[in-house]
Amino acid sequence: MQTALSVLRFILIVFEVLVIFNLLIIVHEWGHFLAGRWRGLVIDRFGIWFGKPIWKKTINGVQYSLGSIPAGGFVSLPQMAPMEAVEGKVEGERQNLPPISVLDKIIVALAGPVFSLGLAFVFATLVFFIGRPTTEAETTTTIGVLPGDSPALAAGLRPGDKVLEVDGQPVDRFGGMGDSISWRVIRSEGETIPFKVERGGQILTFDSKYVKEAKSSRWGRAPLRQVLIGPKQTPLVGEVLPGSAADRAGIVSGDVISAVNGERIFNPVVLSEVIENNPTQPVNLVVTRDGREFPMTLQPEKRMDEGKERYLIGVQWDPGDIVLMYPGPVEQIASSIQTMGNMISALFSPKSDVKAQHFSGPVGIMNLYYRMFQSPEGWRLALWFSVFFNVNLAILNMLPIPVLDGGHILLAIIEGIRRKPIPVKVLEFIQTGCAIFIMGYMLYVTFFDVQDVFPWKRGGAQATEAAE
């Protein structure tokens, strides 16, 4: 019964991923379709999904089809720049089609990104009303844990420090893109990374070195900079295992473990590390309950945990309350544009560790949606991410690269300046070359995306490389 439920849940999640991913792409193509209709262009085909059609029908001269590969869709507009490399041969002869104006080409090309931005605004409005789920670990800038080999620990940073700036830039959260601690570390380019923190009412500055963890596999993505710090997460007891050391000591659900061996802790990982380093030694805890503190001494015991025998005290941690935030639609779109700007800037900076391989294609994006839908707050997370994805789709399509919408606009402008059409043979050569380049890049990033979905067995040394 449990297996059947798991299979049904898997099928449901896959269905949800396909629905939302295809919606985003099809709306973009629908924008081109409607603009083409409005401007009187010949529309050869409008297809949902790719591959061999499992259904097709011609209505008013337009062939509508449903493909066998559920990955978006396309619209064939033969009066625009030739797209045979992507869409296949058109049914009619291009030379026999009436010419269209430069303005028509620009409007039709621009319609796709405009519709993507419009859908982003719709999703952002929904997020504004239903909320975006966040946790303490995501929104805090307070350091909760630093392992013994952390460069930040060696530089002088400590648990409980509230990070104000990283690499000279203000931060407002721990993870994610934009003004986050992790992104500012990744985006830094110096030999050391400056940190400004608040500790006990004082403002302190530190210069931390960084490390790059070894690749997860021989062909994995190149590692990025880290300083090995973790966010604050209140050590809140969620469940106490019956008969465990914690149960016998009187620890109950809702207690907070606020200190271990005389040191305040800001993340439950710290307690696990203390026990792991000295498994047979008792641990002295301070437990906070209803504003009162109780000292306790517990002896860790051997228990099975995820198939391994480990020393534990018998508590399962509560990740904390999920808090809903309600950012305005304009704020969400502006943040997405800023994030895209940061990513593109990092990509083209010669000193940045961010490379083309660190971006994701359809496989990576659908994998991300799949992981979101595994959460109880899956639809809220997916809608919030879809705001960024639609903005991403609009901006990337506006890059002046033939095959993309921005390329169509660029070619139309060149045609307007020349006051005559660009020769068809030249257009075919440019479009085919760019299509091959983009398809090659998509295969390149898909190679890395597949490893994220089906990670290869880790091999080789797992040492870290430090910046000296």
Foldseek 3Di string as FASTA:
>chain_A
DVVVVVVVLLVVLLVVLLVVQQVLQQLLQVQLVVLCVVQVFQWQEWEQADADFPDWDADPNYIYTYHDHSHYIHTDGLLFQDQCLPVNDGPDDSVPGDHDALVSLLSSLQRSLVSLLVLLLVLLVVCLVPFFWDFQQWFFQFFFDADPPFQVVVQPDDGRWRWQDKQRHGAGTDDDFDRHPVNSQQLDQDQWMKTWTADPNDIDITTGWWWFWDAQAPPADGTTTDRRTGGFFFQFFQQFDPPFQCVVQPDGGGKTFQDKPRHGGRHVVVVVVVCQVPVQDWIWTWIDDPNDTDIDITGFDWDADPNDTGTDRGTDGDRHDTDGDNDHSVVLLVRLVVRVVSLVVLQPDPSGPRHLLVDADPLLVSVVLSVLCVDPCSVSNVSSVSSSVSSVLSVVLLPCQAVRSVVSSVQSVVCVVVVHHDDSVVSVVRNSVSVVVVVVSNVSNVVNSVCVVVPDRGDDDRDMDISD
